[in-house]
PDB file of N, CA and C in Angstrom:
ATOM      1  N   MET A   1      33.428 -40.861  35.925  1.00  0.00           N
ATOM      2  CA  MET A   1      33.438 -39.493  35.332  1.00  0.00           C
ATOM      3  C   MET A   1      33.390 -39.576  33.823  1.00  0.00           C
ATOM      4  N   ARG A   2      34.109 -40.486  33.228  1.00  0.00           N
ATOM      5  CA  ARG A   2      34.101 -40.595  31.842  1.00  0.00           C
ATOM      6  C   ARG A   2      32.700 -40.989  31.348  1.00  0.00           C
ATOM      7  N   PHE A   3      32.003 -41.748  32.126  1.00  0.00           N
ATOM      8  CA  PHE A   3      30.596 -42.195  31.784  1.00  0.00           C
ATOM      9  C   PHE A   3      29.739 -40.944  31.475  1.00  0.00           C
ATOM     10  N   PHE A   4      29.812 -39.900  32.315  1.00  0.00           N
ATOM     11  CA  PHE A   4      28.989 -38.649  32.156  1.00  0.00           C
ATOM     12  C   PHE A   4      29.607 -37.794  31.148  1.00  0.00           C
ATOM     13  N   LEU A   5      30.794 -37.858  30.812  1.00  0.00           N
ATOM     14  CA  LEU A   5      31.472 -36.920  29.912  1.00  0.00           C
ATOM     15  C   LEU A   5      31.061 -37.225  28.485  1.00  0.00           C
ATOM     16  N   ILE A   6      30.916 -38.451  28.145  1.00  0.00           N
ATOM     17  CA  ILE A   6      30.671 -38.889  26.737  1.00  0.00           C
ATOM     18  C   ILE A   6      29.278 -38.438  26.280  1.00  0.00           C
ATOM     19  N   PRO A   7      28.157 -38.577  27.120  1.00  0.00           N
ATOM     20  CA  PRO A   7      26.870 -38.153  26.734  1.00  0.00           C
ATOM     21  C   PRO A   7      26.824 -36.666  26.736  1.00  0.00           C
ATOM     22  N   PHE A   8      27.546 -35.985  27.600  1.00  0.00           N
ATOM     23  CA  PHE A   8      27.521 -34.552  27.575  1.00  0.00           C
ATOM     24  C   PHE A   8      28.170 -34.014  26.315  1.00  0.00           C
ATOM     25  N   LEU A   9      29.333 -34.612  25.910  1.00  0.00           N
ATOM     26  CA  LEU A   9      29.969 -34.174  24.561  1.00  0.00           C
ATOM     27  C   LEU A   9      29.085 -34.376  23.380  1.00  0.00           C
ATOM     28  N   VAL A  10      28.408 -35.539  23.313  1.00  0.00           N
ATOM     29  CA  VAL A  10      27.481 -35.947  22.278  1.00  0.00           C
ATOM     30  C   VAL A  10      26.357 -34.879  22.216  1.00  0.00           C
ATOM     31  N   SER A  11      25.709 -34.561  23.293  1.00  0.00           N
ATOM     32  CA  SER A  11      24.651 -33.613  23.315  1.00  0.00           C
ATOM     33  C   SER A  11      25.186 -32.198  22.913  1.00  0.00           C
ATOM     34  N   LEU A  12      26.309 -31.904  23.316  1.00  0.00           N
ATOM     35  CA  LEU A  12      26.984 -30.580  23.002  1.00  0.00           C
ATOM     36  C   LEU A  12      27.117 -30.454  21.483  1.00  0.00           C
ATOM     37  N   MET A  13      27.633 -31.579  20.901  1.00  0.00           N
ATOM     38  CA  MET A  13      27.812 -31.507  19.409  1.00  0.00           C
ATOM     39  C   MET A  13      26.540 -31.374  18.669  1.00  0.00           C
ATOM     40  N   ALA A  14      25.463 -32.072  19.160  1.00  0.00           N
ATOM     41  CA  ALA A  14      24.202 -31.969  18.554  1.00  0.00           C
ATOM     42  C   ALA A  14      23.597 -30.536  18.676  1.00  0.00           C
ATOM     43  N   VAL A  15      23.750 -29.862  19.779  1.00  0.00           N
ATOM     44  CA  VAL A  15      23.365 -28.548  19.885  1.00  0.00           C
ATOM     45  C   VAL A  15      24.027 -27.528  18.909  1.00  0.00           C
ATOM     46  N   LEU A  16      25.374 -27.756  18.804  1.00  0.00           N
ATOM     47  CA  LEU A  16      26.265 -26.972  18.067  1.00  0.00           C
ATOM     48  C   LEU A  16      25.819 -27.082  16.559  1.00  0.00           C
ATOM     49  N   THR A  17      25.556 -28.268  16.167  1.00  0.00           N
ATOM     50  CA  THR A  17      25.209 -28.419  14.740  1.00  0.00           C
ATOM     51  C   THR A  17      23.803 -27.892  14.453  1.00  0.00           C
ATOM     52  N   ALA A  18      22.886 -27.892  15.429  1.00  0.00           N
ATOM     53  CA  ALA A  18      21.519 -27.315  15.246  1.00  0.00           C
ATOM     54  C   ALA A  18      21.703 -25.814  15.106  1.00  0.00           C
ATOM     55  N   CYS A  19      22.639 -25.211  15.984  1.00  0.00           N
ATOM     56  CA  CYS A  19      22.808 -23.804  15.951  1.00  0.00           C
ATOM     57  C   CYS A  19      23.373 -23.295  14.593  1.00  0.00           C
ATOM     58  N   ASN A  20      24.281 -24.038  14.008  1.00  0.00           N
ATOM     59  CA  ASN A  20      24.865 -23.653  12.729  1.00  0.00           C
ATOM     60  C   ASN A  20      23.781 -23.636  11.711  1.00  0.00           C
ATOM     61  N   SER A  21      22.857 -24.557  11.650  1.00  0.00           N
ATOM     62  CA  SER A  21      21.897 -24.543  10.561  1.00  0.00           C
ATOM     63  C   SER A  21      20.943 -23.398  10.701  1.00  0.00           C
ATOM     64  N   GLU A  22      20.608 -22.978  11.874  1.00  0.00           N
ATOM     65  CA  GLU A  22      19.797 -21.825  12.138  1.00  0.00           C
ATOM     66  C   GLU A  22      20.497 -20.513  11.630  1.00  0.00           C
ATOM     67  N   ASP A  23      21.756 -20.414  12.012  1.00  0.00           N
ATOM     68  CA  ASP A  23      22.525 -19.269  11.496  1.00  0.00           C
ATOM     69  C   ASP A  23      22.503 -19.124   9.998  1.00  0.00           C
ATOM     70  N   ASP A  24      22.584 -20.285   9.318  1.00  0.00           N
ATOM     71  CA  ASP A  24      22.612 -20.182   7.794  1.00  0.00           C
ATOM     72  C   ASP A  24      21.309 -19.660   7.293  1.00  0.00           C
ATOM     73  N   ASN A  25      20.147 -19.916   8.021  1.00  0.00           N
ATOM     74  CA  ASN A  25      18.909 -19.528   7.504  1.00  0.00           C
ATOM     75  C   ASN A  25      18.793 -17.911   7.669  1.00  0.00           C
ATOM     76  N   TYR A  26      19.490 -17.329   8.620  1.00  0.00           N
ATOM     77  CA  TYR A  26      19.399 -15.895   8.822  1.00  0.00           C
ATOM     78  C   TYR A  26      20.633 -15.145   8.365  1.00  0.00           C
ATOM     79  N   SER A  27      21.427 -15.737   7.498  1.00  0.00           N
ATOM     80  CA  SER A  27      22.773 -15.132   7.273  1.00  0.00           C
ATOM     81  C   SER A  27      22.610 -13.820   6.371  1.00  0.00           C
ATOM     82  N   GLY A  28      21.587 -13.750   5.562  1.00  0.00           N
ATOM     83  CA  GLY A  28      21.382 -12.523   4.663  1.00  0.00           C
ATOM     84  C   GLY A  28      20.680 -11.390   5.330  1.00  0.00           C
ATOM     85  N   VAL A  29      20.186 -11.580   6.586  1.00  0.00           N
ATOM     86  CA  VAL A  29      19.282 -10.612   7.162  1.00  0.00           C
ATOM     87  C   VAL A  29      20.107  -9.296   7.395  1.00  0.00           C
ATOM     88  N   GLY A  30      21.266  -9.377   7.857  1.00  0.00           N
ATOM     89  CA  GLY A  30      22.086  -8.168   8.174  1.00  0.00           C
ATOM     90  C   GLY A  30      22.401  -7.430   6.904  1.00  0.00           C
ATOM     91  N   LYS A  31      22.637  -8.111   5.880  1.00  0.00           N
ATOM     92  CA  LYS A  31      22.911  -7.292   4.544  1.00  0.00           C
ATOM     93  C   LYS A  31      21.603  -6.556   4.184  1.00  0.00           C
ATOM     94  N   LEU A  32      20.511  -7.185   4.207  1.00  0.00           N
ATOM     95  CA  LEU A  32      19.231  -6.666   3.911  1.00  0.00           C
ATOM     96  C   LEU A  32      18.953  -5.368   4.716  1.00  0.00           C
ATOM     97  N   ILE A  33      19.229  -5.444   6.026  1.00  0.00           N
ATOM     98  CA  ILE A  33      19.016  -4.369   6.836  1.00  0.00           C
ATOM     99  C   ILE A  33      19.893  -3.156   6.592  1.00  0.00           C
ATOM    100  N   ALA A  34      21.130  -3.472   6.229  1.00  0.00           N
ATOM    101  CA  ALA A  34      22.109  -2.466   5.867  1.00  0.00           C
ATOM    102  C   ALA A  34      21.744  -1.782   4.569  1.00  0.00           C
ATOM    103  N   ASP A  35      21.239  -2.609   3.586  1.00  0.00           N
ATOM    104  CA  ASP A  35      20.826  -1.923   2.312  1.00  0.00           C
ATOM    105  C   ASP A  35      19.519  -1.056   2.447  1.00  0.00           C
ATOM    106  N   ARG A  36      18.673  -1.548   3.345  1.00  0.00           N
ATOM    107  CA  ARG A  36      17.430  -0.743   3.711  1.00  0.00           C
ATOM    108  C   ARG A  36      17.871   0.670   4.300  1.00  0.00           C
ATOM    109  N   ASN A  37      18.802   0.551   5.254  1.00  0.00           N
ATOM    110  CA  ASN A  37      19.299   1.766   5.895  1.00  0.00           C
ATOM    111  C   ASN A  37      19.974   2.716   4.879  1.00  0.00           C
ATOM    112  N   LYS A  38      20.734   2.253   3.899  1.00  0.00           N
ATOM    113  CA  LYS A  38      21.372   3.044   2.925  1.00  0.00           C
ATOM    114  C   LYS A  38      20.390   3.744   2.161  1.00  0.00           C
ATOM    115  N   MET A  39      19.257   3.001   1.775  1.00  0.00           N
ATOM    116  CA  MET A  39      18.192   3.613   0.919  1.00  0.00           C
ATOM    117  C   MET A  39      17.463   4.743   1.656  1.00  0.00           C
ATOM    118  N   ARG A  40      17.264   4.529   2.941  1.00  0.00           N
ATOM    119  CA  ARG A  40      16.642   5.528   3.834  1.00  0.00           C
ATOM    120  C   ARG A  40      17.379   6.818   3.889  1.00  0.00           C
ATOM    121  N   TYR A  41      18.771   6.616   4.055  1.00  0.00           N
ATOM    122  CA  TYR A  41      19.589   7.848   3.994  1.00  0.00           C
ATOM    123  C   TYR A  41      19.570   8.570   2.695  1.00  0.00           C
ATOM    124  N   GLN A  42      19.606   7.792   1.605  1.00  0.00           N
ATOM    125  CA  GLN A  42      19.538   8.375   0.344  1.00  0.00           C
ATOM    126  C   GLN A  42      18.343   9.175   0.016  1.00  0.00           C
ATOM    127  N   LEU A  43      17.202   8.579   0.436  1.00  0.00           N
ATOM    128  CA  LEU A  43      15.850   9.222   0.322  1.00  0.00           C
ATOM    129  C   LEU A  43      15.723  10.479   1.164  1.00  0.00           C
ATOM    130  N   ALA A  44      16.421  10.420   2.320  1.00  0.00           N
ATOM    131  CA  ALA A  44      16.312  11.593   3.244  1.00  0.00           C
ATOM    132  C   ALA A  44      17.153  12.771   2.542  1.00  0.00           C
ATOM    133  N   GLU A  45      18.265  12.440   2.032  1.00  0.00           N
ATOM    134  CA  GLU A  45      19.079  13.408   1.397  1.00  0.00           C
ATOM    135  C   GLU A  45      18.378  13.986   0.185  1.00  0.00           C
ATOM    136  N   GLU A  46      17.741  13.171  -0.608  1.00  0.00           N
ATOM    137  CA  GLU A  46      16.916  13.725  -1.829  1.00  0.00           C
ATOM    138  C   GLU A  46      15.806  14.637  -1.310  1.00  0.00           C
ATOM    139  N   THR A  47      15.086  14.255  -0.286  1.00  0.00           N
ATOM    140  CA  THR A  47      13.996  15.038   0.173  1.00  0.00           C
ATOM    141  C   THR A  47      14.589  16.375   0.725  1.00  0.00           C
ATOM    142  N   GLY A  48      15.696  16.336   1.410  1.00  0.00           N
ATOM    143  CA  GLY A  48      16.354  17.571   1.781  1.00  0.00           C
ATOM    144  C   GLY A  48      16.705  18.531   0.710  1.00  0.00           C
ATOM    145  N   ASN A  49      17.130  18.013  -0.468  1.00  0.00           N
ATOM    146  CA  ASN A  49      17.491  18.798  -1.625  1.00  0.00           C
ATOM    147  C   ASN A  49      16.259  19.366  -2.308  1.00  0.00           C
ATOM    148  N   ASN A  50      15.145  18.689  -2.047  1.00  0.00           N
ATOM    149  CA  ASN A  50      13.835  19.163  -2.820  1.00  0.00           C
ATOM    150  C   ASN A  50      13.000  19.984  -1.925  1.00  0.00           C
ATOM    151  N   LYS A  51      13.480  20.692  -0.924  1.00  0.00           N
ATOM    152  CA  LYS A  51      12.638  21.506  -0.058  1.00  0.00           C
ATOM    153  C   LYS A  51      11.963  22.608  -0.776  1.00  0.00           C
ATOM    154  N   GLY A  52      12.540  23.136  -1.845  1.00  0.00           N
ATOM    155  CA  GLY A  52      11.995  24.177  -2.669  1.00  0.00           C
ATOM    156  C   GLY A  52      10.702  23.732  -3.330  1.00  0.00           C
ATOM    157  N   LYS A  53      10.723  22.413  -3.786  1.00  0.00           N
ATOM    158  CA  LYS A  53       9.656  21.903  -4.433  1.00  0.00           C
ATOM    159  C   LYS A  53       8.565  21.482  -3.554  1.00  0.00           C
ATOM    160  N   THR A  54       8.833  21.302  -2.283  1.00  0.00           N
ATOM    161  CA  THR A  54       7.783  20.909  -1.362  1.00  0.00           C
ATOM    162  C   THR A  54       6.750  21.964  -1.054  1.00  0.00           C
ATOM    163  N   GLU A  55       7.226  23.223  -1.239  1.00  0.00           N
ATOM    164  CA  GLU A  55       6.393  24.378  -0.958  1.00  0.00           C
ATOM    165  C   GLU A  55       5.165  24.316  -1.934  1.00  0.00           C
ATOM    166  N   ALA A  56       5.489  24.022  -3.208  1.00  0.00           N
ATOM    167  CA  ALA A  56       4.416  23.900  -4.252  1.00  0.00           C
ATOM    168  C   ALA A  56       3.554  22.705  -3.968  1.00  0.00           C
ATOM    169  N   SER A  57       4.127  21.685  -3.525  1.00  0.00           N
ATOM    170  CA  SER A  57       3.322  20.529  -3.227  1.00  0.00           C
ATOM    171  C   SER A  57       2.506  20.692  -2.036  1.00  0.00           C
ATOM    172  N   ASN A  58       2.864  21.572  -1.046  1.00  0.00           N
ATOM    173  CA  ASN A  58       2.149  21.828   0.089  1.00  0.00           C
ATOM    174  C   ASN A  58       0.899  22.590  -0.313  1.00  0.00           C
ATOM    175  N   GLN A  59       1.001  23.480  -1.260  1.00  0.00           N
ATOM    176  CA  GLN A  59      -0.105  24.217  -1.721  1.00  0.00           C
ATOM    177  C   GLN A  59      -1.219  23.259  -2.356  1.00  0.00           C
ATOM    178  N   SER A  60      -0.691  22.353  -3.155  1.00  0.00           N
ATOM    179  CA  SER A  60      -1.634  21.460  -3.789  1.00  0.00           C
ATOM    180  C   SER A  60      -2.268  20.457  -2.630  1.00  0.00           C
ATOM    181  N   ILE A  61      -1.509  20.115  -1.637  1.00  0.00           N
ATOM    182  CA  ILE A  61      -2.084  19.358  -0.615  1.00  0.00           C
ATOM    183  C   ILE A  61      -3.190  20.138   0.120  1.00  0.00           C
ATOM    184  N   ASP A  62      -2.956  21.481   0.366  1.00  0.00           N
ATOM    185  CA  ASP A  62      -3.941  22.313   0.988  1.00  0.00           C
ATOM    186  C   ASP A  62      -5.316  22.316   0.096  1.00  0.00           C
ATOM    187  N   SER A  63      -5.139  22.445  -1.195  1.00  0.00           N
ATOM    188  CA  SER A  63      -6.279  22.438  -2.066  1.00  0.00           C
ATOM    189  C   SER A  63      -7.030  21.097  -2.008  1.00  0.00           C
ATOM    190  N   VAL A  64      -6.298  20.061  -1.898  1.00  0.00           N
ATOM    191  CA  VAL A  64      -6.872  18.721  -1.872  1.00  0.00           C
ATOM    192  C   VAL A  64      -7.606  18.549  -0.522  1.00  0.00           C
ATOM    193  N   SER A  65      -7.001  18.917   0.581  1.00  0.00           N
ATOM    194  CA  SER A  65      -7.582  18.868   1.874  1.00  0.00           C
ATOM    195  C   SER A  65      -8.860  19.698   1.951  1.00  0.00           C
ATOM    196  N   LYS A  66      -8.874  20.865   1.284  1.00  0.00           N
ATOM    197  CA  LYS A  66     -10.082  21.717   1.245  1.00  0.00           C
ATOM    198  C   LYS A  66     -11.149  21.031   0.484  1.00  0.00           C
ATOM    199  N   ASP A  67     -10.845  20.449  -0.629  1.00  0.00           N
ATOM    200  CA  ASP A  67     -11.868  19.592  -1.469  1.00  0.00           C
ATOM    201  C   ASP A  67     -12.414  18.471  -0.581  1.00  0.00           C
ATOM    202  N   ALA A  68     -11.598  17.818   0.160  1.00  0.00           N
ATOM    203  CA  ALA A  68     -12.074  16.730   1.032  1.00  0.00           C
ATOM    204  C   ALA A  68     -12.975  17.247   2.134  1.00  0.00           C
ATOM    205  N   SER A  69     -12.703  18.415   2.707  1.00  0.00           N
ATOM    206  CA  SER A  69     -13.509  18.849   3.697  1.00  0.00           C
ATOM    207  C   SER A  69     -14.837  19.294   3.210  1.00  0.00           C
ATOM    208  N   GLU A  70     -14.871  19.863   1.925  1.00  0.00           N
ATOM    209  CA  GLU A  70     -16.099  20.155   1.196  1.00  0.00           C
ATOM    210  C   GLU A  70     -17.056  18.924   1.008  1.00  0.00           C
ATOM    211  N   ARG A  71     -16.270  17.831   0.570  1.00  0.00           N
ATOM    212  CA  ARG A  71     -16.996  16.553   0.345  1.00  0.00           C
ATOM    213  C   ARG A  71     -17.643  16.051   1.632  1.00  0.00           C
ATOM    214  N   LEU A  72     -16.853  16.212   2.697  1.00  0.00           N
ATOM    215  CA  LEU A  72     -17.289  15.762   4.034  1.00  0.00           C
ATOM    216  C   LEU A  72     -18.481  16.595   4.481  1.00  0.00           C
ATOM    217  N   ALA A  73     -18.474  17.872   4.176  1.00  0.00           N
ATOM    218  CA  ALA A  73     -19.707  18.712   4.630  1.00  0.00           C
ATOM    219  C   ALA A  73     -20.855  18.327   3.795  1.00  0.00           C
ATOM    220  N   ARG A  74     -20.611  17.967   2.513  1.00  0.00           N
ATOM    221  CA  ARG A  74     -21.773  17.566   1.700  1.00  0.00           C
ATOM    222  C   ARG A  74     -22.410  16.250   2.208  1.00  0.00           C
ATOM    223  N   LYS A  75     -21.571  15.307   2.591  1.00  0.00           N
ATOM    224  CA  LYS A  75     -21.958  14.020   3.056  1.00  0.00           C
ATOM    225  C   LYS A  75     -22.745  14.258   4.445  1.00  0.00           C
ATOM    226  N   LYS A  76     -22.289  15.145   5.229  1.00  0.00           N
ATOM    227  CA  LYS A  76     -23.051  15.411   6.415  1.00  0.00           C
ATOM    228  C   LYS A  76     -24.456  15.981   6.128  1.00  0.00           C
ATOM    229  N   GLU A  77     -24.442  16.786   5.179  1.00  0.00           N
ATOM    230  CA  GLU A  77     -25.718  17.399   4.784  1.00  0.00           C
ATOM    231  C   GLU A  77     -26.628  16.390   4.103  1.00  0.00           C
ATOM    232  N   LEU A  78     -26.157  15.407   3.469  1.00  0.00           N
ATOM    233  CA  LEU A  78     -26.873  14.290   2.868  1.00  0.00           C
ATOM    234  C   LEU A  78     -27.415  13.480   4.041  1.00  0.00           C
ATOM    235  N   LEU A  79     -26.732  13.235   5.057  1.00  0.00           N
ATOM    236  CA  LEU A  79     -27.162  12.400   6.163  1.00  0.00           C
ATOM    237  C   LEU A  79     -28.161  13.139   7.086  1.00  0.00           C
ATOM    238  N   THR A  80     -28.011  14.435   7.312  1.00  0.00           N
ATOM    239  CA  THR A  80     -28.799  15.159   8.271  1.00  0.00           C
ATOM    240  C   THR A  80     -30.117  15.581   7.660  1.00  0.00           C
ATOM    241  N   ASN A  81     -30.158  16.020   6.406  1.00  0.00           N
ATOM    242  CA  ASN A  81     -31.352  16.564   5.785  1.00  0.00           C
ATOM    243  C   ASN A  81     -32.189  15.436   5.268  1.00  0.00           C
ATOM    244  N   GLY A  82     -33.445  15.710   5.232  1.00  0.00           N
ATOM    245  CA  GLY A  82     -34.321  14.727   4.531  1.00  0.00           C
ATOM    246  C   GLY A  82     -34.342  15.113   3.110  1.00  0.00           C
ATOM    247  N   LEU A  83     -33.831  14.231   2.248  1.00  0.00           N
ATOM    248  CA  LEU A  83     -33.654  14.579   0.828  1.00  0.00           C
ATOM    249  C   LEU A  83     -34.771  13.940   0.022  1.00  0.00           C
ATOM    250  N   ASP A  84     -35.151  14.665  -0.998  1.00  0.00           N
ATOM    251  CA  ASP A  84     -36.165  14.071  -1.955  1.00  0.00           C
ATOM    252  C   ASP A  84     -35.356  13.525  -3.180  1.00  0.00           C
ATOM    253  N   GLU A  85     -35.849  12.377  -3.716  1.00  0.00           N
ATOM    254  CA  GLU A  85     -35.179  11.861  -4.886  1.00  0.00           C
ATOM    255  C   GLU A  85     -36.049  12.216  -6.014  1.00  0.00           C
ATOM    256  N   LYS A  86     -35.433  12.701  -7.085  1.00  0.00           N
ATOM    257  CA  LYS A  86     -36.102  13.051  -8.264  1.00  0.00           C
ATOM    258  C   LYS A  86     -35.441  12.340  -9.475  1.00  0.00           C
ATOM    259  N   GLN A  87     -36.254  11.718 -10.284  1.00  0.00           N
ATOM    260  CA  GLN A  87     -35.764  11.070 -11.564  1.00  0.00           C
ATOM    261  C   GLN A  87     -35.369  12.152 -12.534  1.00  0.00           C
ATOM    262  N   ILE A  88     -34.154  12.065 -13.115  1.00  0.00           N
ATOM    263  CA  ILE A  88     -33.730  13.105 -14.088  1.00  0.00           C
ATOM    264  C   ILE A  88     -33.347  12.426 -15.385  1.00  0.00           C
ATOM    265  N   VAL A  89     -33.383  13.197 -16.404  1.00  0.00           N
ATOM    266  CA  VAL A  89     -32.816  12.867 -17.862  1.00  0.00           C
ATOM    267  C   VAL A  89     -31.919  13.916 -18.215  1.00  0.00           C
ATOM    268  N   ILE A  90     -30.722  13.507 -18.567  1.00  0.00           N
ATOM    269  CA  ILE A  90     -29.815  14.451 -19.040  1.00  0.00           C
ATOM    270  C   ILE A  90     -29.872  14.545 -20.587  1.00  0.00           C
ATOM    271  N   VAL A  91     -30.128  15.867 -21.034  1.00  0.00           N
ATOM    272  CA  VAL A  91     -30.403  16.024 -22.454  1.00  0.00           C
ATOM    273  C   VAL A  91     -29.370  17.060 -23.099  1.00  0.00           C
ATOM    274  N   ASP A  92     -28.932  16.682 -24.287  1.00  0.00           N
ATOM    275  CA  ASP A  92     -28.026  17.530 -24.966  1.00  0.00           C
ATOM    276  C   ASP A  92     -28.743  18.756 -25.420  1.00  0.00           C
ATOM    277  N   SER A  93     -28.180  20.023 -25.063  1.00  0.00           N
ATOM    278  CA  SER A  93     -28.919  21.220 -25.369  1.00  0.00           C
ATOM    279  C   SER A  93     -28.993  21.553 -26.865  1.00  0.00           C
ATOM    280  N   SER A  94     -28.002  21.162 -27.658  1.00  0.00           N
ATOM    281  CA  SER A  94     -28.025  21.515 -29.014  1.00  0.00           C
ATOM    282  C   SER A  94     -28.926  20.517 -29.827  1.00  0.00           C
ATOM    283  N   SER A  95     -28.849  19.260 -29.607  1.00  0.00           N
ATOM    284  CA  SER A  95     -29.626  18.298 -30.442  1.00  0.00           C
ATOM    285  C   SER A  95     -30.933  17.804 -29.738  1.00  0.00           C
ATOM    286  N   GLY A  96     -30.971  17.954 -28.504  1.00  0.00           N
ATOM    287  CA  GLY A  96     -32.236  17.536 -27.781  1.00  0.00           C
ATOM    288  C   GLY A  96     -32.211  16.048 -27.475  1.00  0.00           C
ATOM    289  N   GLU A  97     -31.091  15.321 -27.734  1.00  0.00           N
ATOM    290  CA  GLU A  97     -31.010  13.847 -27.487  1.00  0.00           C
ATOM    291  C   GLU A  97     -30.697  13.551 -26.035  1.00  0.00           C
ATOM    292  N   PRO A  98     -31.415  12.594 -25.557  1.00  0.00           N
ATOM    293  CA  PRO A  98     -31.028  12.225 -24.066  1.00  0.00           C
ATOM    294  C   PRO A  98     -29.610  11.541 -23.987  1.00  0.00           C
ATOM    295  N   LEU A  99     -28.888  12.034 -23.074  1.00  0.00           N
ATOM    296  CA  LEU A  99     -27.505  11.479 -22.880  1.00  0.00           C
ATOM    297  C   LEU A  99     -27.478  10.496 -21.815  1.00  0.00           C
ATOM    298  N   GLY A 100     -28.300  10.697 -20.740  1.00  0.00           N
ATOM    299  CA  GLY A 100     -28.269   9.696 -19.616  1.00  0.00           C
ATOM    300  C   GLY A 100     -29.444   9.961 -18.685  1.00  0.00           C
ATOM    301  N   GLN A 101     -29.516   9.075 -17.714  1.00  0.00           N
ATOM    302  CA  GLN A 101     -30.565   9.064 -16.754  1.00  0.00           C
ATOM    303  C   GLN A 101     -30.003   8.966 -15.406  1.00  0.00           C
ATOM    304  N   GLY A 102     -30.712   9.343 -14.389  1.00  0.00           N
ATOM    305  CA  GLY A 102     -30.149   9.065 -13.003  1.00  0.00           C
ATOM    306  C   GLY A 102     -31.171   9.697 -11.942  1.00  0.00           C
ATOM    307  N   VAL A 103     -30.686   9.930 -10.838  1.00  0.00           N
ATOM    308  CA  VAL A 103     -31.491  10.266  -9.670  1.00  0.00           C
ATOM    309  C   VAL A 103     -30.747  11.551  -9.148  1.00  0.00           C
ATOM    310  N   ALA A 104     -31.564  12.616  -8.902  1.00  0.00           N
ATOM    311  CA  ALA A 104     -30.983  13.878  -8.229  1.00  0.00           C
ATOM    312  C   ALA A 104     -31.558  13.828  -6.809  1.00  0.00           C
ATOM    313  N   TYR A 105     -30.649  14.217  -5.832  1.00  0.00           N
ATOM    314  CA  TYR A 105     -31.074  14.316  -4.536  1.00  0.00           C
ATOM    315  C   TYR A 105     -31.159  15.746  -4.239  1.00  0.00           C
ATOM    316  N   VAL A 106     -32.372  16.203  -3.805  1.00  0.00           N
ATOM    317  CA  VAL A 106     -32.615  17.573  -3.618  1.00  0.00           C
ATOM    318  C   VAL A 106     -32.995  17.785  -2.161  1.00  0.00           C
ATOM    319  N   ASN A 107     -32.446  18.934  -1.579  1.00  0.00           N
ATOM    320  CA  ASN A 107     -32.727  19.214  -0.189  1.00  0.00           C
ATOM    321  C   ASN A 107     -33.978  19.959  -0.047  1.00  0.00           C
ATOM    322  N   GLN A 108     -34.378  20.424   1.145  1.00  0.00           N
ATOM    323  CA  GLN A 108     -35.598  21.065   1.371  1.00  0.00           C
ATOM    324  C   GLN A 108     -35.730  22.380   0.724  1.00  0.00           C
ATOM    325  N   LYS A 109     -34.509  23.021   0.423  1.00  0.00           N
ATOM    326  CA  LYS A 109     -34.533  24.347  -0.154  1.00  0.00           C
ATOM    327  C   LYS A 109     -34.767  24.249  -1.759  1.00  0.00           C
ATOM    328  N   GLY A 110     -34.688  23.044  -2.220  1.00  0.00           N
ATOM    329  CA  GLY A 110     -34.751  22.855  -3.684  1.00  0.00           C
ATOM    330  C   GLY A 110     -33.471  22.794  -4.353  1.00  0.00           C
ATOM    331  N   GLU A 111     -32.368  22.736  -3.655  1.00  0.00           N
ATOM    332  CA  GLU A 111     -30.941  22.734  -4.239  1.00  0.00           C
ATOM    333  C   GLU A 111     -30.541  21.318  -4.452  1.00  0.00           C
ATOM    334  N   ILE A 112     -29.959  21.072  -5.600  1.00  0.00           N
ATOM    335  CA  ILE A 112     -29.427  19.735  -5.946  1.00  0.00           C
ATOM    336  C   ILE A 112     -28.182  19.478  -5.168  1.00  0.00           C
ATOM    337  N   ILE A 113     -28.207  18.380  -4.276  1.00  0.00           N
ATOM    338  CA  ILE A 113     -27.048  18.021  -3.443  1.00  0.00           C
ATOM    339  C   ILE A 113     -26.156  17.115  -4.210  1.00  0.00           C
ATOM    340  N   LYS A 114     -26.812  16.140  -4.856  1.00  0.00           N
ATOM    341  CA  LYS A 114     -25.913  15.022  -5.435  1.00  0.00           C
ATOM    342  C   LYS A 114     -26.766  14.471  -6.649  1.00  0.00           C
ATOM    343  N   ILE A 115     -25.985  14.108  -7.627  1.00  0.00           N
ATOM    344  CA  ILE A 115     -26.719  13.452  -8.837  1.00  0.00           C
ATOM    345  C   ILE A 115     -25.972  12.092  -8.944  1.00  0.00           C
ATOM    346  N   LYS A 116     -26.812  11.124  -8.995  1.00  0.00           N
ATOM    347  CA  LYS A 116     -26.333   9.698  -9.211  1.00  0.00           C
ATOM    348  C   LYS A 116     -26.788   9.257 -10.559  1.00  0.00           C
ATOM    349  N   LEU A 117     -25.861   8.906 -11.506  1.00  0.00           N
ATOM    350  CA  LEU A 117     -26.105   8.414 -12.876  1.00  0.00           C
ATOM    351  C   LEU A 117     -26.412   6.992 -12.852  1.00  0.00           C
ATOM    352  N   SER A 118     -27.371   6.561 -13.616  1.00  0.00           N
ATOM    353  CA  SER A 118     -27.603   5.074 -13.722  1.00  0.00           C
ATOM    354  C   SER A 118     -27.218   4.712 -15.210  1.00  0.00           C
ATOM    355  N   ASN A 119     -26.895   3.444 -15.282  1.00  0.00           N
ATOM    356  CA  ASN A 119     -26.520   2.949 -16.598  1.00  0.00           C
ATOM    357  C   ASN A 119     -27.579   2.706 -17.580  1.00  0.00           C
TER     358      ASN A 119
END
């Protein structure tokens, strides 16, 4: 009986020492989680206090989403229509000096859809 007890105790000690070293590696995780949760609660309280400010920001978000939808509609138009490329030169109206060059993408109606400037 003693013969089996000694190897069992030695292996038990080895397992316990291995467990202790793993616990040391994760000892700060609980504190990090607690700090993160505190910050979440603080941010939730601050956003709750700023509900009056969010109405103004919602209006700006609506205008941004409207601009994005207009851009998407333009991109669809670029993809679906057969566009003509026309070389353009941008000229200052007062002095007549050329300011830049590029390509204008014109749809079948003759409307400029997009202007791409070149260096």
